[in-house]
Amino acid sequence: MFEYAPAPESREIVDIRPSYGLFINGEWVEPQGEERHKTVNPATEEVLAEVAWAGEADVDRAVQAAAKAFPVWSAMPGAERAKYLFRIARIIQERARELAVLETLDNGKPIRESRDVDLPLVAAHFFYYAGWADKLAYAGFGPDPRPLGVAGQVIPWNFPLLMLAWKIAPALACGNTVVLKPAETTPLTALAFADICRQADLPPGVVNIVTGAGGTGAALVNHPGVDKVAFTGSTEVGRLIARSLAGTRKKLTLELGGKAANIVFDDAPLDQAVEGIVNGIFFNQGHVCCAGSRLLVQESIAADLLEALKRRLGTLRLGDPLDKNTDIGAINSAEQLAKIRELSEAGEAEGAERWSPACPIPDRGYWFPPTLFTGVAQSHRIAREEIFGPVLSVLTFRTPAEAVEKANNTPYGLSAGVWTEKASLMLWMASRLRAGVVWSNTFNRFDPASPFGGFKESGYGREGGRHGLEGYLAL
C-alpha cells in the first residue's frame, strides 16, 4: 500500500472554553444545580471542557424563554425569518473549518468527513429551509399553515451538528421556537451554534440550548410547555418517549435505529459496489442509523466480492481523526466501544467467522478495527441487533424474492441499498423493500430536499425536504 505522509489539520483554529453554561434566552447562564460533565476527545481521552447539565428548573427556564419568543417569531413574515436562516447558513460556511475541527475533536470522526460531508450539509439545510420560510402556503399543507409553538428537540452523538440542522432549520422556517438538547458526549458544536445564533442576531429565546444527559432530555420531552418533540436516537429511548407522550396534544417525530440491507446482484459493477459497501458501513465508524450493516450478496458472486472487499479494507487507514488521510476514526465513547465488542464476541460465539485487516490500534482512545463476519445466519444477534459500529454481517441469496425476504426480516425499516444494472429489477426491489429510503447503486447519500425517515421500529415522521415541514405545522 502506498504510504501517505501525515497531514494533520491544525486544532489551533478552535478556541474551546474550559467551561460552558446553558444558552437560554440569547444569553449564557449558569445552571441552578452544580452538576457538570467532562466532554472528552475519544481519540486521546483528553478532557476538552466541562459542560453544565441542566436540571428540571433549567429546562423550565428555557421552555419559558422559547414560549415568550414564539408570538414575535411566529408573527414575523416568512421572508424576514428566511433572512435569519440565510444569515445562519452563511456564518456556518464562513466558520466551516473551525466547526469541522471542533466536531472531529468532540466526536472522533475523521476530519475529511466533518469537513467534506457534515458541514456542507449543515449549511445546505439552513439554505434550503430558508427558501421555504415564505412559501409555506404552497407546501401542500393548506393555504394557511400555522406553527405549533415550542419544539423540544433531542439529538444524538453520531452527527451532532448535522442533526441539529435537520431539526432546527425546519422548525424555525415554520415559525416555531426551539429548545434543543445535544447528546451528553458531543455538546460542543451545539454550543458553538448558540454563538452563531448570537452572531446572526437571532431574537432572544428563539433557539435555546440545554446540555445534559437522559434526565435533561426527559425533562424537556415531558415539559407541559412543549408542543412538538423531535427525537433522533435509540429505539429503546424512542419507545419511552412515545409512551410518555401518548394521549397528550404533543406532536412527535421519531428517527430511531436501523439494520439496513445493502443488496448486491450478480450484474452489479463489482468495484463500484465495493466502494458503496465500504461507504455504507465504515463511514463515520458505522455510527450511522441507516448504515448498511447487513450485506446481502448474490451467491454466484459472493466469493469474488468478498475477495475484493477484503482487499479494499486492507487499504483503510485507522488513526488520528484530525489527519486528512484517516478513513476510520475513534469510537465515540467507552460505553459504545463496549457494546460493539460485546456484539462482535456474540457473533463469534454463535458461529460466524470474523475477519479484520491488519490494523495497528493506538494506545489511547476508543478504537475498533473495520470488521466483517461471514457465515452469518439470520438468527445471529449481529444480523438482528443494531451494532452501531464498523461491523458488517455478510449473508447470501439466490433470487430477488429471497433477497427481499431476508432484507425485510428485521424489526427495523430505515434504509436499504440495491446494486444492479437492471432498472426494472431496481424498481421491483424498491417497491417491495420495507424501508424509508432505498438507494440505487449508491449508499449514504443525502440532500436537504429529500425526505428521510423509517418504518416499524425505525420510527415515524420524516425529516428533510417538503415533508420535513409537516412535523412543525398545525394542520
Protein backbone atom coordinates (compact mmCIF):
# COMPACT_ATOMS: atom_id res chain seq x y z
CA MET A 1 0.00 0.00 0.00
CA PHE A 2 1.20 3.48 -0.84
CA GLU A 3 2.27 5.24 2.35
CA TYR A 4 0.93 8.73 2.91
CA ALA A 5 2.81 11.25 4.99
CA PRO A 6 0.82 12.56 7.97
CA ALA A 7 -1.40 15.51 7.05
CA PRO A 8 -2.86 16.73 10.35
CA GLU A 9 -5.40 19.53 10.45
CA SER A 10 -4.44 22.19 12.99
CA ARG A 11 -6.62 22.46 16.05
CA GLU A 12 -5.40 25.98 16.69
CA ILE A 13 -8.41 27.35 14.78
CA VAL A 14 -10.68 26.12 17.59
CA ASP A 15 -10.99 28.04 20.84
CA ILE A 16 -12.59 25.73 23.40
CA ARG A 17 -13.59 27.30 26.67
CA PRO A 18 -12.67 25.47 29.88
CA SER A 19 -16.31 25.55 30.99
CA TYR A 20 -19.73 26.05 29.38
CA GLY A 21 -23.07 27.07 30.84
CA LEU A 22 -26.52 26.92 29.21
CA PHE A 23 -27.76 29.06 26.34
CA ILE A 24 -31.16 30.44 27.36
CA ASN A 25 -32.97 33.50 26.04
CA GLY A 26 -29.98 34.58 23.98
CA GLU A 27 -27.59 34.58 26.94
CA TRP A 28 -25.11 32.24 28.57
CA VAL A 29 -26.44 31.38 32.01
CA GLU A 30 -25.27 29.18 34.84
CA PRO A 31 -27.43 26.19 35.79
CA GLN A 32 -29.28 26.18 39.08
CA GLY A 33 -27.61 22.89 40.00
CA GLU A 34 -23.89 22.19 40.24
CA GLU A 35 -23.68 19.02 38.15
CA ARG A 36 -21.16 19.19 35.31
CA HIS A 37 -19.83 16.68 32.79
CA LYS A 38 -16.39 16.46 31.20
CA THR A 39 -16.55 16.03 27.44
CA VAL A 40 -13.51 14.18 26.11
CA ASN A 41 -11.74 13.64 22.82
CA PRO A 42 -12.45 9.94 22.09
CA ALA A 43 -9.23 9.60 20.10
CA THR A 44 -6.99 10.63 23.02
CA GLU A 45 -9.26 10.61 26.13
CA GLU A 46 -8.15 14.22 26.66
CA VAL A 47 -10.68 16.36 28.53
CA LEU A 48 -11.86 19.12 26.22
CA ALA A 49 -14.20 21.09 28.50
CA GLU A 50 -16.62 20.94 31.39
CA VAL A 51 -20.26 21.29 30.41
CA ALA A 52 -23.19 22.13 32.66
CA TRP A 53 -26.02 19.61 32.97
CA ALA A 54 -29.43 21.22 33.06
CA GLY A 55 -31.99 20.18 35.64
CA GLU A 56 -35.77 20.49 35.51
CA ALA A 57 -35.67 24.13 36.65
CA ASP A 58 -33.18 24.99 33.89
CA VAL A 59 -35.29 23.25 31.26
CA ASP A 60 -38.31 25.15 32.52
CA ARG A 61 -36.42 28.45 32.10
CA ALA A 62 -35.52 27.51 28.53
CA VAL A 63 -39.07 26.48 27.62
CA GLN A 64 -40.47 29.69 29.12
CA ALA A 65 -37.95 31.72 27.11
CA ALA A 66 -38.97 29.91 23.92
CA ALA A 67 -42.67 30.40 24.71
CA LYS A 68 -42.12 34.11 25.28
CA ALA A 69 -40.29 34.45 21.96
CA PHE A 70 -42.87 32.47 20.00
CA PRO A 71 -45.51 35.18 19.42
CA VAL A 72 -42.98 37.58 17.92
CA TRP A 73 -41.12 34.97 15.87
CA SER A 74 -44.24 33.27 14.51
CA ALA A 75 -45.84 36.59 13.58
CA MET A 76 -42.75 37.67 11.66
CA PRO A 77 -43.24 37.47 7.86
CA GLY A 78 -41.71 34.35 6.36
CA ALA A 79 -39.33 36.40 4.26
CA GLU A 80 -37.96 38.00 7.44
CA ARG A 81 -37.46 34.64 9.14
CA ALA A 82 -35.72 33.50 5.98
CA LYS A 83 -33.17 36.31 6.32
CA TYR A 84 -32.09 34.93 9.70
CA LEU A 85 -31.81 31.39 8.32
CA PHE A 86 -29.78 32.60 5.34
CA ARG A 87 -27.54 34.54 7.71
CA ILE A 88 -27.01 31.46 9.89
CA ALA A 89 -26.18 29.38 6.80
CA ARG A 90 -23.60 31.88 5.62
CA ILE A 91 -21.95 32.11 9.05
CA ILE A 92 -21.75 28.29 9.13
CA GLN A 93 -19.97 28.40 5.78
CA GLU A 94 -17.59 31.08 6.99
CA ARG A 95 -16.79 29.10 10.15
CA ALA A 96 -16.86 25.68 8.45
CA ARG A 97 -13.21 24.83 9.10
CA GLU A 98 -13.48 25.72 12.78
CA LEU A 99 -16.72 23.74 13.19
CA ALA A 100 -15.32 20.72 11.35
CA VAL A 101 -12.28 20.57 13.64
CA LEU A 102 -14.48 21.00 16.72
CA GLU A 103 -16.80 18.20 15.57
CA THR A 104 -13.88 15.86 14.98
CA LEU A 105 -12.31 16.63 18.36
CA ASP A 106 -15.55 16.04 20.25
CA ASN A 107 -16.95 13.15 18.19
CA GLY A 108 -13.92 11.22 16.89
CA LYS A 109 -14.94 11.14 13.23
CA PRO A 110 -12.31 11.75 10.52
CA ILE A 111 -11.79 15.38 9.59
CA ARG A 112 -12.43 14.53 5.92
CA GLU A 113 -15.99 13.55 6.83
CA SER A 114 -16.61 16.54 9.10
CA ARG A 115 -15.18 18.92 6.52
CA ASP A 116 -16.45 17.42 3.26
CA VAL A 117 -19.78 15.85 4.29
CA ASP A 118 -21.18 17.17 7.54
CA LEU A 119 -20.51 20.90 7.28
CA PRO A 120 -21.64 21.36 3.66
CA LEU A 121 -24.88 19.53 4.51
CA VAL A 122 -25.40 21.62 7.66
CA ALA A 123 -25.22 24.86 5.68
CA ALA A 124 -27.31 23.37 2.86
CA HIS A 125 -30.17 22.53 5.24
CA PHE A 126 -30.34 26.10 6.53
CA PHE A 127 -30.22 27.48 2.99
CA TYR A 128 -32.90 25.02 1.87
CA TYR A 129 -35.37 25.77 4.66
CA ALA A 130 -34.71 29.48 4.40
CA GLY A 131 -36.17 29.13 0.93
CA TRP A 132 -39.34 27.54 2.33
CA ALA A 133 -39.98 30.14 5.04
CA ASP A 134 -42.08 32.44 2.83
CA LYS A 135 -43.64 29.64 0.75
CA LEU A 136 -45.39 27.55 3.39
CA ALA A 137 -48.81 28.24 1.89
CA TYR A 138 -47.62 26.42 -1.25
CA ALA A 139 -46.12 23.38 0.50
CA GLY A 140 -49.30 21.33 0.20
CA PHE A 141 -50.38 21.60 3.83
CA GLY A 142 -53.26 24.02 3.33
CA PRO A 143 -53.43 27.71 2.45
CA ASP A 144 -52.64 28.98 5.95
CA PRO A 145 -50.34 26.56 7.80
CA ARG A 146 -49.52 27.65 11.34
CA PRO A 147 -46.54 26.83 13.57
CA LEU A 148 -47.07 24.62 16.60
CA GLY A 149 -45.25 26.62 19.28
CA VAL A 150 -42.22 25.40 21.25
CA ALA A 151 -40.30 22.48 19.76
CA GLY A 152 -38.33 20.27 22.14
CA GLN A 153 -35.55 18.56 20.21
CA VAL A 154 -33.14 15.84 21.34
CA ILE A 155 -30.27 14.87 19.05
CA PRO A 156 -27.68 12.04 19.07
CA TRP A 157 -23.89 11.98 19.14
CA ASN A 158 -23.13 10.48 15.72
CA PHE A 159 -23.81 13.61 13.61
CA PRO A 160 -24.14 16.33 16.27
CA LEU A 161 -24.20 19.46 14.12
CA LEU A 162 -25.97 17.87 11.15
CA MET A 163 -28.79 16.50 13.32
CA LEU A 164 -29.09 19.96 14.87
CA ALA A 165 -29.55 21.43 11.39
CA TRP A 166 -32.09 18.75 10.41
CA LYS A 167 -34.23 19.80 13.35
CA ILE A 168 -33.70 23.50 13.97
CA ALA A 169 -33.84 24.68 10.34
CA PRO A 170 -37.39 23.46 9.50
CA ALA A 171 -38.68 24.38 12.96
CA LEU A 172 -37.55 27.99 12.58
CA ALA A 173 -38.69 28.23 8.97
CA CYS A 174 -42.21 27.27 10.06
CA GLY A 175 -42.24 29.88 12.84
CA ASN A 176 -41.62 27.67 15.87
CA THR A 177 -39.15 28.37 18.64
CA VAL A 178 -36.74 25.72 19.89
CA VAL A 179 -35.22 24.17 22.98
CA LEU A 180 -32.56 21.68 21.90
CA LYS A 181 -30.64 19.15 23.96
CA PRO A 182 -27.46 17.75 22.36
CA ALA A 183 -26.01 14.38 23.33
CA GLU A 184 -24.02 14.41 26.55
CA THR A 185 -20.83 13.16 24.84
CA THR A 186 -20.88 15.67 21.94
CA PRO A 187 -22.20 19.04 23.09
CA LEU A 188 -19.50 21.37 21.76
CA THR A 189 -20.76 22.10 18.24
CA ALA A 190 -24.27 22.74 19.56
CA LEU A 191 -22.78 25.25 21.99
CA ALA A 192 -20.82 26.79 19.10
CA PHE A 193 -24.12 27.04 17.22
CA ALA A 194 -25.51 29.05 20.13
CA ASP A 195 -22.72 31.54 19.49
CA ILE A 196 -23.68 31.56 15.79
CA CYS A 197 -27.26 32.45 16.76
CA ARG A 198 -25.93 35.45 18.63
CA GLN A 199 -23.67 36.37 15.74
CA ALA A 200 -26.70 36.24 13.42
CA ASP A 201 -28.69 38.50 15.82
CA LEU A 202 -31.39 35.87 16.17
CA PRO A 203 -34.04 37.23 18.56
CA PRO A 204 -33.53 36.04 22.16
CA GLY A 205 -35.39 32.86 23.07
CA VAL A 206 -35.91 31.63 19.51
CA VAL A 207 -33.18 29.00 19.98
CA ASN A 208 -32.16 27.69 23.40
CA ILE A 209 -29.51 25.03 24.07
CA VAL A 210 -29.64 22.95 27.26
CA THR A 211 -26.93 20.35 27.80
CA GLY A 212 -27.24 17.23 29.89
CA ALA A 213 -27.92 13.52 29.89
CA GLY A 214 -31.10 11.43 29.85
CA GLY A 215 -32.68 13.27 32.75
CA THR A 216 -32.38 16.58 30.92
CA GLY A 217 -33.94 15.06 27.81
CA ALA A 218 -36.80 13.56 29.81
CA ALA A 219 -37.50 16.91 31.48
CA LEU A 220 -37.66 18.58 28.06
CA VAL A 221 -39.82 15.91 26.41
CA ASN A 222 -42.31 15.86 29.29
CA HIS A 223 -42.48 19.61 29.88
CA PRO A 224 -46.10 20.80 29.52
CA GLY A 225 -44.97 23.90 27.62
CA VAL A 226 -43.51 21.87 24.75
CA ASP A 227 -45.81 21.49 21.75
CA LYS A 228 -43.64 19.33 19.50
CA VAL A 229 -41.00 16.69 20.26
CA ALA A 230 -38.41 15.58 17.73
CA PHE A 231 -36.03 12.81 18.77
CA THR A 232 -33.22 11.01 16.98
CA GLY A 233 -31.61 8.17 18.88
CA SER A 234 -32.07 4.60 20.02
CA THR A 235 -35.27 2.63 19.56
CA GLU A 236 -35.39 1.90 23.29
CA VAL A 237 -35.48 5.58 24.22
CA GLY A 238 -37.89 6.27 21.35
CA ARG A 239 -40.34 3.78 22.83
CA LEU A 240 -40.15 5.51 26.22
CA ILE A 241 -40.83 8.89 24.63
CA ALA A 242 -43.78 7.56 22.61
CA ARG A 243 -45.30 6.07 25.77
CA SER A 244 -44.81 9.24 27.78
CA LEU A 245 -46.46 11.40 25.11
CA ALA A 246 -49.34 9.02 24.33
CA GLY A 247 -52.64 10.82 24.88
CA THR A 248 -51.09 14.28 25.01
CA ARG A 249 -51.53 17.04 22.46
CA LYS A 250 -47.84 17.00 21.56
CA LYS A 251 -46.76 16.22 18.02
CA LEU A 252 -43.95 13.66 17.78
CA THR A 253 -41.30 12.73 15.23
CA LEU A 254 -39.02 9.75 15.91
CA GLU A 255 -35.96 8.75 13.89
CA LEU A 256 -34.60 5.63 15.53
CA GLY A 257 -32.35 2.65 14.86
CA GLY A 258 -31.73 0.64 11.74
CA LYS A 259 -30.29 -2.59 10.40
CA ALA A 260 -30.14 -1.79 6.71
CA ALA A 261 -29.59 -4.33 3.96
CA ASN A 262 -27.11 -3.49 1.20
CA ILE A 263 -28.10 -5.87 -1.62
CA VAL A 264 -25.65 -6.71 -4.41
CA PHE A 265 -26.83 -8.60 -7.50
CA ASP A 266 -24.58 -10.56 -9.85
CA ASP A 267 -24.76 -7.92 -12.60
CA ALA A 268 -23.59 -5.07 -10.35
CA PRO A 269 -20.26 -3.36 -11.17
CA LEU A 270 -18.05 -5.04 -8.59
CA ASP A 271 -15.59 -2.22 -7.83
CA GLN A 272 -18.39 0.34 -7.55
CA ALA A 273 -20.35 -1.96 -5.26
CA VAL A 274 -17.31 -2.48 -3.01
CA GLU A 275 -16.93 1.28 -2.60
CA GLY A 276 -20.62 1.54 -1.79
CA ILE A 277 -20.37 -1.23 0.78
CA VAL A 278 -17.39 0.46 2.46
CA ASN A 279 -19.20 3.81 2.49
CA GLY A 280 -22.35 2.13 3.74
CA ILE A 281 -20.89 0.60 6.89
CA PHE A 282 -17.46 2.12 7.61
CA PHE A 283 -18.36 5.78 7.05
CA ASN A 284 -18.31 7.53 10.44
CA GLN A 285 -17.09 4.27 12.05
CA GLY A 286 -20.50 2.73 11.40
CA HIS A 287 -22.08 5.30 13.74
CA VAL A 288 -24.93 5.78 11.27
CA CYS A 289 -28.54 4.77 11.94
CA CYS A 290 -29.03 3.94 8.25
CA ALA A 291 -25.69 2.11 7.90
CA GLY A 292 -25.64 -0.84 5.51
CA SER A 293 -24.70 -3.24 8.29
CA ARG A 294 -26.13 -6.32 6.52
CA LEU A 295 -24.55 -7.17 3.18
CA LEU A 296 -26.78 -9.43 1.07
CA VAL A 297 -24.77 -10.66 -1.90
CA GLN A 298 -25.97 -12.95 -4.68
CA GLU A 299 -24.45 -16.37 -4.14
CA SER A 300 -22.82 -16.64 -7.57
CA ILE A 301 -20.53 -13.62 -6.96
CA ALA A 302 -20.09 -13.88 -3.19
CA ALA A 303 -16.53 -15.23 -3.31
CA ASP A 304 -15.31 -12.62 -5.81
CA LEU A 305 -16.97 -9.76 -3.98
CA LEU A 306 -15.60 -10.82 -0.59
CA GLU A 307 -12.09 -11.07 -2.02
CA ALA A 308 -12.36 -7.55 -3.46
CA LEU A 309 -13.91 -6.22 -0.27
CA LYS A 310 -11.16 -7.62 1.94
CA ARG A 311 -8.56 -6.19 -0.39
CA ARG A 312 -10.22 -2.77 -0.11
CA LEU A 313 -10.48 -2.95 3.69
CA GLY A 314 -6.75 -3.55 3.81
CA THR A 315 -6.22 -0.05 2.41
CA LEU A 316 -8.32 1.77 5.03
CA ARG A 317 -6.34 3.88 7.47
CA LEU A 318 -7.33 3.90 11.14
CA GLY A 319 -5.87 6.59 13.36
CA ASP A 320 -5.77 10.26 14.25
CA PRO A 321 -9.14 11.71 13.19
CA LEU A 322 -7.51 15.10 12.53
CA ASP A 323 -5.23 13.54 9.90
CA LYS A 324 -6.71 14.20 6.45
CA ASN A 325 -5.64 10.70 5.34
CA THR A 326 -7.64 8.90 8.03
CA ASP A 327 -10.57 6.72 6.95
CA ILE A 328 -11.59 5.21 10.30
CA GLY A 329 -11.64 7.44 13.35
CA ALA A 330 -12.33 6.76 17.01
CA ILE A 331 -15.42 5.19 18.54
CA ASN A 332 -17.34 7.94 20.28
CA SER A 333 -17.25 6.62 23.85
CA ALA A 334 -16.06 3.79 26.06
CA GLU A 335 -19.69 2.70 26.51
CA GLN A 336 -20.25 2.40 22.76
CA LEU A 337 -16.97 0.55 22.31
CA ALA A 338 -18.03 -1.97 24.96
CA LYS A 339 -21.32 -2.57 23.11
CA ILE A 340 -19.54 -3.13 19.78
CA ARG A 341 -17.15 -5.58 21.43
CA GLU A 342 -19.99 -7.45 23.13
CA LEU A 343 -21.94 -7.97 19.92
CA SER A 344 -18.82 -8.91 17.95
CA GLU A 345 -17.94 -11.53 20.55
CA ALA A 346 -21.52 -12.80 20.34
CA GLY A 347 -21.11 -13.18 16.57
CA GLU A 348 -18.07 -15.40 17.07
CA ALA A 349 -19.76 -17.38 19.83
CA GLU A 350 -22.75 -18.08 17.56
CA GLY A 351 -20.51 -19.49 14.84
CA ALA A 352 -19.88 -16.63 12.40
CA GLU A 353 -16.35 -16.18 11.06
CA ARG A 354 -14.73 -12.87 11.98
CA TRP A 355 -12.17 -11.05 9.84
CA SER A 356 -10.37 -7.71 10.15
CA PRO A 357 -7.41 -6.35 8.18
CA ALA A 358 -4.06 -5.92 9.88
CA CYS A 359 -4.66 -2.70 11.72
CA PRO A 360 -2.45 -1.10 14.40
CA ILE A 361 -4.55 0.30 17.24
CA PRO A 362 -3.43 3.48 19.06
CA ASP A 363 -2.53 3.09 22.74
CA ARG A 364 -5.03 5.68 23.95
CA GLY A 365 -8.59 6.37 22.94
CA TYR A 366 -11.52 4.21 21.88
CA TRP A 367 -10.82 2.17 18.75
CA PHE A 368 -12.29 -0.74 16.85
CA PRO A 369 -10.95 -2.08 13.54
CA PRO A 370 -13.14 -2.45 10.45
CA THR A 371 -14.62 -5.93 10.80
CA LEU A 372 -16.72 -8.28 8.71
CA PHE A 373 -18.45 -11.55 9.57
CA THR A 374 -19.16 -14.35 7.11
CA GLY A 375 -21.21 -17.46 7.70
CA VAL A 376 -23.88 -15.30 9.33
CA ALA A 377 -27.36 -16.70 9.90
CA GLN A 378 -30.42 -14.51 10.19
CA SER A 379 -30.87 -15.72 13.77
CA HIS A 380 -27.49 -14.37 14.86
CA ARG A 381 -27.51 -11.29 17.07
CA ILE A 382 -25.12 -9.50 14.70
CA ALA A 383 -27.73 -9.88 11.95
CA ARG A 384 -30.65 -8.74 14.13
CA GLU A 385 -29.36 -6.07 16.52
CA GLU A 386 -28.03 -2.64 15.69
CA ILE A 387 -24.29 -2.67 16.47
CA PHE A 388 -23.68 1.00 15.61
CA GLY A 389 -20.06 0.36 14.82
CA PRO A 390 -17.73 -0.65 11.93
CA VAL A 391 -19.02 -4.22 11.77
CA LEU A 392 -20.51 -5.82 8.64
CA SER A 393 -22.56 -9.06 8.56
CA VAL A 394 -22.45 -10.91 5.23
CA LEU A 395 -25.33 -13.11 4.07
CA THR A 396 -26.06 -14.60 0.65
CA PHE A 397 -29.17 -15.07 -1.51
CA ARG A 398 -30.04 -16.74 -4.80
CA THR A 399 -33.15 -14.98 -6.13
CA PRO A 400 -34.60 -11.46 -5.89
CA ALA A 401 -37.54 -12.81 -3.90
CA GLU A 402 -35.15 -14.34 -1.35
CA ALA A 403 -33.24 -11.04 -1.15
CA VAL A 404 -36.44 -9.14 -0.37
CA GLU A 405 -37.47 -11.69 2.25
CA LYS A 406 -34.11 -11.53 4.01
CA ALA A 407 -33.84 -7.75 3.76
CA ASN A 408 -37.29 -7.26 5.30
CA ASN A 409 -36.66 -9.84 8.04
CA THR A 410 -35.87 -7.19 10.63
CA PRO A 411 -37.85 -5.09 13.11
CA TYR A 412 -36.24 -2.01 11.55
CA GLY A 413 -37.09 -0.22 8.32
CA LEU A 414 -34.93 2.84 7.86
CA SER A 415 -32.91 2.29 4.68
CA ALA A 416 -31.67 -0.16 2.06
CA GLY A 417 -29.35 -0.21 -0.94
CA VAL A 418 -29.69 -2.11 -4.21
CA TRP A 419 -26.83 -2.70 -6.66
CA THR A 420 -27.82 -3.79 -10.14
CA GLU A 421 -27.55 -2.56 -13.73
CA LYS A 422 -31.17 -3.52 -14.44
CA ALA A 423 -33.54 -0.60 -13.85
CA SER A 424 -36.54 -2.93 -13.87
CA LEU A 425 -35.00 -5.05 -11.09
CA MET A 426 -34.11 -1.94 -9.11
CA LEU A 427 -37.71 -0.68 -9.24
CA TRP A 428 -39.08 -4.14 -8.48
CA MET A 429 -36.91 -4.32 -5.37
CA ALA A 430 -37.63 -0.77 -4.23
CA SER A 431 -41.39 -1.37 -4.37
CA ARG A 432 -41.04 -4.39 -2.07
CA LEU A 433 -38.40 -3.28 0.42
CA ARG A 434 -39.95 -2.00 3.64
CA ALA A 435 -37.50 0.86 4.10
CA GLY A 436 -37.96 4.61 4.26
CA VAL A 437 -35.01 5.25 1.92
CA VAL A 438 -33.81 2.95 -0.86
CA TRP A 439 -30.56 3.91 -2.59
CA SER A 440 -29.80 2.72 -6.10
CA ASN A 441 -26.14 1.93 -6.87
CA THR A 442 -25.00 4.20 -4.05
CA PHE A 443 -25.37 4.44 -0.27
CA ASN A 444 -25.47 7.10 2.44
CA ARG A 445 -26.27 9.94 0.03
CA PHE A 446 -28.24 12.83 1.49
CA ASP A 447 -29.80 16.00 0.18
CA PRO A 448 -31.79 18.60 2.15
CA ALA A 449 -34.57 18.40 -0.47
CA SER A 450 -35.04 14.66 0.08
CA PRO A 451 -37.13 13.35 3.00
CA PHE A 452 -35.61 10.83 5.40
CA GLY A 453 -37.32 8.54 7.90
CA GLY A 454 -38.33 4.98 8.60
CA PHE A 455 -40.95 2.35 9.23
CA LYS A 456 -41.56 -0.11 12.06
CA GLU A 457 -39.03 0.25 14.92
CA SER A 458 -37.06 2.84 12.95
CA GLY A 459 -39.62 5.47 13.91
CA TYR A 460 -42.15 7.63 12.12
CA GLY A 461 -42.36 11.04 10.55
CA ARG A 462 -39.95 12.49 8.01
CA GLU A 463 -37.12 14.98 8.22
CA GLY A 464 -35.75 16.84 5.21
CA GLY A 465 -37.49 18.05 2.10
CA ARG A 466 -41.00 19.44 1.93
CA HIS A 467 -42.12 16.53 4.11
CA GLY A 468 -39.88 17.79 6.90
CA LEU A 469 -42.06 20.87 7.31
CA GLU A 470 -45.16 18.87 8.18
CA GLY A 471 -43.99 17.90 11.66
CA TYR A 472 -43.68 21.56 12.62
CA LEU A 473 -47.05 22.80 11.32
CA ALA A 474 -50.55 22.67 12.83
CA LEU A 475 -52.59 21.07 10.05
